[in-house]
């Protein structure tokens, strides 16, 4: 079933700004590593940001997972693919956004990891966005919304794991 999430967000004070930024039917890719720690996003995250499963599957799974990448599907229209990263681990907002852009995201949503202050205005005090050539919009959602995204992501993975175990059991019993 499709999960449609609605959140208020605060645009970063860096990167392109667009008052008409609308992500109403955009797939949200939860990145790995979640905070961008280590300086690169995983190969699987990059594949998901650049290629998504067929349109029917995408509509059924608005919250994508890093285990659902299918390399035989063609590239998607990346104008609507959004990366989700979590605030923290000493990685700047500008660096997080640039990692998402490098991986193929058209926009990035950063989940706050603290409830106050809110609204929180992301700044690029190190001027990395301009130096790195950031071209995608950056927004932050409040901590409770970020927790909701992560909860849905974990539920999705649990369901996929249970489905895998059921399929494995069926395959083993069918062979006997």
Protein backbone atom coordinates (compact mmCIF):
# COMPACT_ATOMS: atom_id res chain seq x y z
CA UNK A 1 0.00 0.00 0.00
CA UNK A 2 1.08 3.51 -0.72
CA UNK A 3 2.21 5.75 2.12
CA UNK A 4 1.58 9.42 1.51
CA UNK A 5 3.44 11.60 3.96
CA UNK A 6 2.70 15.26 4.64
CA UNK A 7 5.17 17.45 6.46
CA UNK A 8 5.90 21.09 6.90
CA UNK A 9 9.47 21.90 6.12
CA UNK A 10 11.91 24.76 6.39
CA UNK A 11 14.01 25.51 3.33
CA UNK A 12 17.75 25.84 3.83
CA UNK A 13 19.37 29.23 3.45
CA UNK A 14 21.53 27.79 0.69
CA UNK A 15 20.97 25.95 -2.57
CA UNK A 16 18.26 26.93 -5.02
CA UNK A 17 15.02 28.26 -3.62
CA UNK A 18 11.64 27.73 -5.17
CA UNK A 19 8.44 28.76 -3.46
CA UNK A 20 6.55 26.25 -5.61
CA UNK A 21 8.62 23.25 -4.52
CA UNK A 22 6.09 20.42 -4.41
CA UNK A 23 6.97 16.82 -3.59
CA UNK A 24 3.41 15.53 -3.46
CA UNK A 25 4.07 12.38 -5.49
CA UNK A 26 7.81 12.07 -5.03
CA UNK A 27 9.44 8.86 -3.92
CA UNK A 28 11.47 9.36 -0.75
CA UNK A 29 14.70 7.37 -0.57
CA UNK A 30 16.06 6.83 2.94
CA UNK A 31 19.81 7.06 2.44
CA UNK A 32 22.55 4.88 3.77
CA UNK A 33 24.48 5.87 5.73
CA UNK A 34 21.60 7.80 7.23
CA UNK A 35 23.69 10.85 8.16
CA UNK A 36 26.11 10.75 5.24
CA UNK A 37 28.96 9.88 7.62
CA UNK A 38 32.01 8.65 5.80
CA UNK A 39 31.74 11.09 2.92
CA UNK A 40 29.69 9.02 0.45
CA UNK A 41 26.30 7.39 0.17
CA UNK A 42 26.13 3.65 -0.41
CA UNK A 43 26.11 2.19 -3.89
CA UNK A 44 22.61 0.87 -3.28
CA UNK A 45 21.37 4.33 -2.25
CA UNK A 46 22.92 5.83 -5.37
CA UNK A 47 21.26 3.17 -7.53
CA UNK A 48 17.89 3.89 -5.90
CA UNK A 49 18.26 7.63 -6.40
CA UNK A 50 19.08 7.16 -10.07
CA UNK A 51 16.87 4.19 -10.91
CA UNK A 52 13.60 3.15 -9.38
CA UNK A 53 11.44 0.05 -9.85
CA UNK A 54 8.67 0.18 -12.41
CA UNK A 55 6.05 2.92 -12.06
CA UNK A 56 3.46 0.49 -10.64
CA UNK A 57 5.84 -0.61 -7.88
CA UNK A 58 6.82 2.98 -7.15
CA UNK A 59 3.19 3.96 -6.69
CA UNK A 60 2.74 1.07 -4.26
CA UNK A 61 5.91 1.90 -2.33
CA UNK A 62 6.29 5.65 -1.90
CA UNK A 63 8.80 4.91 0.83
CA UNK A 64 11.55 3.09 -1.05
CA UNK A 65 14.10 0.80 0.50
CA UNK A 66 17.69 0.07 -0.32
CA UNK A 67 16.88 -3.62 -0.86
CA UNK A 68 14.27 -3.06 -3.58
CA UNK A 69 16.57 -1.89 -6.40
CA UNK A 70 16.05 -3.77 -9.63
CA UNK A 71 18.90 -3.23 -12.07
CA UNK A 72 16.82 -4.26 -15.10
CA UNK A 73 14.41 -1.36 -14.79
CA UNK A 74 15.14 1.75 -16.83
CA UNK A 75 16.17 5.07 -15.29
CA UNK A 76 13.32 7.02 -13.74
CA UNK A 77 12.55 10.66 -14.26
CA UNK A 78 14.84 11.93 -11.51
CA UNK A 79 13.15 15.31 -11.32
CA UNK A 80 11.07 14.01 -8.42
CA UNK A 81 13.37 11.65 -6.48
CA UNK A 82 14.06 12.95 -2.97
CA UNK A 83 16.83 11.81 -0.64
CA UNK A 84 16.20 11.62 3.11
CA UNK A 85 19.17 12.14 5.42
CA UNK A 86 19.28 12.58 9.17
CA UNK A 87 20.97 15.54 10.85
CA UNK A 88 24.07 14.73 12.87
CA UNK A 89 27.39 12.87 12.96
CA UNK A 90 29.37 16.05 12.30
CA UNK A 91 28.39 16.17 8.61
CA UNK A 92 27.40 19.69 7.53
CA UNK A 93 24.07 20.42 5.87
CA UNK A 94 25.89 21.53 2.72
CA UNK A 95 27.89 18.28 2.59
CA UNK A 96 24.76 16.14 3.15
CA UNK A 97 22.98 17.93 0.29
CA UNK A 98 25.97 17.59 -1.99
CA UNK A 99 26.25 13.85 -1.26
CA UNK A 100 22.58 13.45 -2.18
CA UNK A 101 23.07 15.48 -5.36
CA UNK A 102 26.13 13.42 -6.35
CA UNK A 103 24.11 10.24 -5.82
CA UNK A 104 21.36 11.46 -8.15
CA UNK A 105 18.74 13.09 -5.92
CA UNK A 106 16.72 15.99 -7.27
CA UNK A 107 16.12 17.32 -3.74
CA UNK A 108 17.05 16.46 -0.17
CA UNK A 109 15.04 16.44 3.04
CA UNK A 110 17.04 16.42 6.24
CA UNK A 111 15.35 15.06 9.34
CA UNK A 112 16.07 17.07 12.46
CA UNK A 113 17.44 15.06 15.38
CA UNK A 114 16.28 17.39 18.13
CA UNK A 115 12.90 18.87 18.94
CA UNK A 116 14.09 22.40 19.64
CA UNK A 117 14.62 24.91 18.39
CA UNK A 118 11.90 24.57 15.77
CA UNK A 119 11.62 25.87 13.19
CA UNK A 120 15.32 25.43 12.62
CA UNK A 121 16.96 27.34 9.78
CA UNK A 122 19.76 25.44 8.08
CA UNK A 123 22.73 27.60 7.24
CA UNK A 124 25.84 26.91 5.23
CA UNK A 125 28.37 28.69 7.43
CA UNK A 126 31.30 27.03 5.65
CA UNK A 127 29.96 28.11 2.22
CA UNK A 128 30.26 24.53 0.96
CA UNK A 129 27.10 24.63 -1.17
CA UNK A 130 28.48 27.26 -3.51
CA UNK A 131 32.01 25.82 -3.52
CA UNK A 132 30.69 22.32 -4.30
CA UNK A 133 28.18 23.52 -6.90
CA UNK A 134 24.97 22.53 -5.10
CA UNK A 135 22.01 22.72 -7.49
CA UNK A 136 19.26 20.87 -5.61
CA UNK A 137 16.86 22.29 -3.01
CA UNK A 138 17.37 21.42 0.65
CA UNK A 139 14.68 21.32 3.34
CA UNK A 140 14.48 20.22 6.95
CA UNK A 141 11.57 18.51 8.69
CA UNK A 142 11.04 18.49 12.42
CA UNK A 143 12.22 15.61 14.59
CA UNK A 144 8.78 14.03 15.08
CA UNK A 145 8.25 13.94 11.29
CA UNK A 146 11.71 12.46 10.76
CA UNK A 147 10.87 9.77 13.33
CA UNK A 148 7.69 8.99 11.39
CA UNK A 149 9.69 8.53 8.18
CA UNK A 150 12.12 6.21 9.94
CA UNK A 151 9.29 4.25 11.59
CA UNK A 152 7.61 3.66 8.22
CA UNK A 153 10.96 2.70 6.71
CA UNK A 154 11.57 0.12 9.47
CA UNK A 155 8.03 -1.26 9.11
CA UNK A 156 8.56 -1.61 5.37
CA UNK A 157 11.79 -3.53 5.92
CA UNK A 158 10.18 -5.76 8.52
CA UNK A 159 7.34 -6.60 6.11
CA UNK A 160 9.83 -7.32 3.34
CA UNK A 161 11.84 -9.58 5.69
CA UNK A 162 8.68 -11.45 6.75
CA UNK A 163 7.68 -11.85 3.09
CA UNK A 164 11.15 -13.18 2.28
CA UNK A 165 10.97 -15.70 5.14
CA UNK A 166 7.48 -16.81 4.01
CA UNK A 167 8.68 -17.21 0.42
CA UNK A 168 11.72 -19.18 1.59
CA UNK A 169 9.56 -21.50 3.72
CA UNK A 170 7.19 -22.06 0.81
CA UNK A 171 10.07 -22.76 -1.57
CA UNK A 172 11.63 -25.28 0.82
CA UNK A 173 8.34 -27.12 1.52
CA UNK A 174 7.40 -27.13 -2.17
CA UNK A 175 10.64 -28.89 -3.11
CA UNK A 176 10.02 -31.77 -0.69
